[in-house]
Amino acid sequence: MDEEKKIEIEDGNITEETVETETAAQETASEDTREKPEDPQETPAEEQEEEKTPLEKAQEEIEQLKDQYLRARAEFENYRKRTIKEKAELILNGGEKTIIAILPVLDDFERALSAASDDAGTAKEGMELIFHKFVKILEGLGVKKIETQDKPFDVDFHEAIAMVPGMGDDKKGMVIDCVQTGYMLNDKVIRHAKVAVGQ
């Protein structure tokens, strides 16, 4: 550093001001490296917190336990209501699978009756009696037929399998024909009615 100073002074390229600023910069750098005194206001948060009395601690604990108790009670009530509802649905619709399995037999009965000629006489009457008895038993279990005749198409009850064009504006969106009867069990659809809809 001393050699550089002499060379610069001899050449006349350095001034006194630059030398002073270099020394000033060194002084400020050395001041920054010194440790700053700790601020007396900066103390740990724990020390600033006031000590709580045993009564306050007990009250806080009571509030926490009370909150936990209320939450647990609410959860239990929800669970109880849900299980009661599930049991009621199980009792009401317990035979759903059995009834769904029987419905194709009911369809066969309907087809047999419509195919039977009027000449069958007594045999056809006997079949009709058995069919009506069968339907009444199912109705007693809560099974209802979904009505389709002159009804507007409803996706909740009907399944469209065909669109029939050229039926006129009054038949647009209406059920034209029922291909397979739909059924409900206690207001729950267990089989949608397969229908043809006017376009």
Protein backbone atom coordinates (compact mmCIF):
# COMPACT_ATOMS: atom_id res chain seq x y z
CA MET A 1 0.00 0.00 0.00
CA ASP A 2 2.88 2.38 0.83
CA GLU A 3 4.66 1.66 -2.47
CA GLU A 4 1.49 2.34 -4.44
CA LYS A 5 1.12 5.63 -2.58
CA LYS A 6 4.62 6.80 -3.55
CA ILE A 7 4.16 5.89 -7.19
CA GLU A 8 0.86 7.67 -7.38
CA ILE A 9 2.26 10.76 -5.64
CA GLU A 10 5.23 10.88 -7.99
CA ASP A 11 2.97 10.57 -11.03
CA GLY A 12 0.61 13.14 -9.49
CA ASN A 13 -2.54 11.09 -10.06
CA ILE A 14 -3.77 10.86 -6.47
CA THR A 15 -5.20 13.67 -4.38
CA GLU A 16 -5.47 14.16 -0.65
CA GLU A 17 -9.24 13.77 -0.74
CA THR A 18 -9.10 10.27 -2.15
CA VAL A 19 -6.66 9.19 0.49
CA GLU A 20 -8.92 10.59 3.17
CA THR A 21 -12.03 8.86 1.75
CA GLU A 22 -10.18 5.55 1.65
CA THR A 23 -9.25 5.87 5.31
CA ALA A 24 -12.82 7.00 6.17
CA ALA A 25 -14.26 3.92 4.42
CA GLN A 26 -11.88 1.70 6.38
CA GLU A 27 -12.96 3.37 9.64
CA THR A 28 -16.70 2.86 8.90
CA ALA A 29 -16.06 -0.77 7.97
CA SER A 30 -14.26 -1.37 11.25
CA GLU A 31 -17.15 0.30 13.14
CA ASP A 32 -19.66 -2.05 11.45
CA THR A 33 -17.66 -5.10 12.44
CA ARG A 34 -17.77 -4.10 16.08
CA GLU A 35 -20.51 -5.76 18.09
CA LYS A 36 -23.58 -3.65 18.73
CA PRO A 37 -24.75 -3.41 22.30
CA GLU A 38 -27.92 -5.37 23.04
CA ASP A 39 -31.12 -3.38 23.16
CA PRO A 40 -32.47 -3.58 26.68
CA GLN A 41 -36.05 -3.64 25.30
CA GLU A 42 -35.37 -6.85 23.29
CA THR A 43 -36.04 -9.54 25.89
CA PRO A 44 -37.47 -13.03 25.40
CA ALA A 45 -41.27 -13.25 25.10
CA GLU A 46 -41.47 -15.59 28.03
CA GLU A 47 -40.03 -12.98 30.37
CA GLN A 48 -42.51 -10.37 29.13
CA GLU A 49 -45.50 -12.59 29.79
CA GLU A 50 -46.91 -12.17 33.21
CA GLU A 51 -47.10 -15.20 35.40
CA LYS A 52 -50.65 -16.61 35.44
CA THR A 53 -52.28 -17.40 38.74
CA PRO A 54 -53.34 -20.99 39.48
CA LEU A 55 -56.99 -19.88 39.27
CA GLU A 56 -56.51 -18.51 35.72
CA LYS A 57 -54.72 -21.71 34.67
CA ALA A 58 -57.55 -23.82 36.12
CA GLN A 59 -60.19 -21.72 34.33
CA GLU A 60 -58.36 -22.10 31.00
CA GLU A 61 -58.17 -25.87 31.50
CA ILE A 62 -61.89 -25.99 32.37
CA GLU A 63 -62.73 -24.07 29.16
CA GLN A 64 -60.63 -26.49 27.08
CA LEU A 65 -62.26 -29.54 28.67
CA LYS A 66 -65.73 -28.01 28.23
CA ASP A 67 -65.02 -27.41 24.53
CA GLN A 68 -63.77 -30.99 24.09
CA TYR A 69 -66.87 -32.35 25.86
CA LEU A 70 -69.27 -30.32 23.68
CA ARG A 71 -67.51 -31.44 20.50
CA ALA A 72 -67.55 -35.10 21.56
CA ARG A 73 -71.24 -34.87 22.47
CA ALA A 74 -72.12 -33.27 19.10
CA GLU A 75 -70.19 -36.00 17.24
CA PHE A 76 -71.99 -38.71 19.21
CA GLU A 77 -75.42 -37.15 18.49
CA ASN A 78 -74.62 -37.03 14.77
CA TYR A 79 -73.47 -40.67 14.87
CA ARG A 80 -76.64 -41.73 16.75
CA LYS A 81 -78.95 -39.96 14.28
CA ARG A 82 -77.06 -41.42 11.32
CA THR A 83 -77.29 -45.00 12.65
CA ILE A 84 -81.03 -44.60 13.41
CA LYS A 85 -81.61 -43.37 9.85
CA GLU A 86 -79.55 -46.24 8.39
CA LYS A 87 -81.48 -48.80 10.46
CA ALA A 88 -84.82 -47.33 9.34
CA GLU A 89 -83.74 -47.47 5.69
CA LEU A 90 -82.52 -51.04 6.13
CA ILE A 91 -85.84 -52.10 7.65
CA LEU A 92 -87.83 -50.25 4.98
CA ASN A 93 -85.80 -51.34 1.95
CA GLY A 94 -84.25 -54.54 3.29
CA GLY A 95 -85.86 -56.70 0.60
CA GLU A 96 -84.71 -54.48 -2.28
CA LYS A 97 -82.34 -57.09 -3.78
CA THR A 98 -85.01 -59.80 -3.58
CA ILE A 99 -87.62 -57.62 -5.25
CA ILE A 100 -85.20 -56.59 -8.01
CA ALA A 101 -84.51 -60.29 -8.63
CA ILE A 102 -88.29 -61.00 -8.87
CA LEU A 103 -89.07 -58.18 -11.33
CA PRO A 104 -88.06 -60.16 -14.46
CA VAL A 105 -90.62 -62.83 -13.44
CA LEU A 106 -93.26 -60.09 -13.27
CA ASP A 107 -92.22 -58.94 -16.77
CA ASP A 108 -92.59 -62.51 -18.08
CA PHE A 109 -96.05 -62.70 -16.51
CA GLU A 110 -97.11 -59.50 -18.30
CA ARG A 111 -95.76 -60.75 -21.64
CA ALA A 112 -97.47 -64.13 -21.23
CA LEU A 113 -100.82 -62.46 -20.51
CA SER A 114 -100.55 -60.11 -23.50
CA ALA A 115 -99.53 -62.99 -25.79
CA ALA A 116 -102.26 -65.35 -24.58
CA SER A 117 -105.16 -65.54 -27.02
CA ASP A 118 -108.74 -64.97 -25.99
CA ASP A 119 -109.45 -68.58 -26.89
CA ALA A 120 -107.39 -69.76 -23.88
CA GLY A 121 -110.42 -68.99 -21.70
CA THR A 122 -110.07 -70.49 -18.25
CA ALA A 123 -106.28 -70.80 -18.40
CA LYS A 124 -105.92 -67.10 -19.18
CA GLU A 125 -108.29 -66.15 -16.35
CA GLY A 126 -106.28 -68.27 -13.93
CA MET A 127 -103.05 -66.58 -15.06
CA GLU A 128 -104.64 -63.16 -14.58
CA LEU A 129 -105.72 -64.05 -11.05
CA ILE A 130 -102.19 -65.23 -10.16
CA PHE A 131 -100.68 -62.12 -11.75
CA HIS A 132 -102.96 -59.73 -9.81
CA LYS A 133 -102.27 -61.58 -6.58
CA PHE A 134 -98.53 -61.33 -7.22
CA VAL A 135 -98.81 -57.57 -7.92
CA LYS A 136 -100.83 -57.04 -4.71
CA ILE A 137 -98.18 -58.82 -2.64
CA LEU A 138 -95.48 -56.59 -4.13
CA GLU A 139 -97.61 -53.49 -3.49
CA GLY A 140 -97.94 -54.60 0.13
CA LEU A 141 -94.13 -54.59 0.33
CA GLY A 142 -94.06 -51.00 -0.97
CA VAL A 143 -93.45 -51.69 -4.67
CA LYS A 144 -95.16 -49.26 -7.06
CA LYS A 145 -95.27 -49.15 -10.84
CA ILE A 146 -93.83 -46.01 -12.48
CA GLU A 147 -96.53 -44.41 -14.60
CA THR A 148 -95.44 -43.54 -18.14
CA GLN A 149 -98.65 -43.06 -20.14
CA ASP A 150 -98.87 -39.44 -21.41
CA LYS A 151 -96.17 -38.34 -18.96
CA PRO A 152 -93.33 -35.91 -19.74
CA PHE A 153 -89.91 -37.55 -19.91
CA ASP A 154 -88.18 -37.38 -16.48
CA VAL A 155 -84.61 -38.66 -16.05
CA ASP A 156 -85.34 -39.44 -12.40
CA PHE A 157 -87.89 -42.10 -13.40
CA HIS A 158 -87.37 -42.86 -17.10
CA GLU A 159 -84.56 -44.14 -19.27
CA ALA A 160 -84.83 -43.12 -22.93
CA ILE A 161 -83.89 -45.93 -25.28
CA ALA A 162 -85.35 -44.40 -28.47
CA MET A 163 -86.30 -41.00 -29.89
CA VAL A 164 -89.37 -40.92 -32.14
CA PRO A 165 -89.28 -38.05 -34.68
CA GLY A 166 -92.26 -36.35 -36.37
CA MET A 167 -94.73 -36.75 -33.50
CA GLY A 168 -95.75 -33.06 -33.42
CA ASP A 169 -95.07 -30.29 -30.93
CA ASP A 170 -97.58 -31.61 -28.39
CA LYS A 171 -95.69 -34.94 -28.16
CA LYS A 172 -92.19 -33.41 -28.02
CA GLY A 173 -90.44 -34.50 -24.82
CA MET A 174 -93.36 -36.79 -23.90
CA VAL A 175 -93.23 -40.56 -23.35
CA ILE A 176 -94.62 -42.24 -26.49
CA ASP A 177 -94.22 -45.89 -25.53
CA CYS A 178 -92.99 -47.92 -22.53
CA VAL A 179 -90.72 -50.81 -23.53
CA GLN A 180 -90.02 -52.04 -19.97
CA THR A 181 -92.00 -51.10 -16.86
CA GLY A 182 -90.16 -49.27 -14.09
CA TYR A 183 -90.72 -49.79 -10.36
CA MET A 184 -90.23 -47.90 -7.11
CA LEU A 185 -89.75 -49.28 -3.63
CA ASN A 186 -91.00 -46.87 -0.93
CA ASP A 187 -90.44 -43.79 -3.15
CA LYS A 188 -86.98 -45.03 -4.21
CA VAL A 189 -86.50 -45.99 -7.86
CA ILE A 190 -85.25 -49.57 -8.06
CA ARG A 191 -85.64 -49.84 -11.83
CA HIS A 192 -86.09 -47.01 -14.33
CA ALA A 193 -88.81 -47.33 -16.95
CA LYS A 194 -87.34 -47.86 -20.43
CA VAL A 195 -89.27 -45.59 -22.77
CA ALA A 196 -89.44 -44.10 -26.27
CA VAL A 197 -89.62 -40.30 -26.27
CA GLY A 198 -91.15 -37.95 -28.85
CA GLN A 199 -88.68 -35.68 -30.65
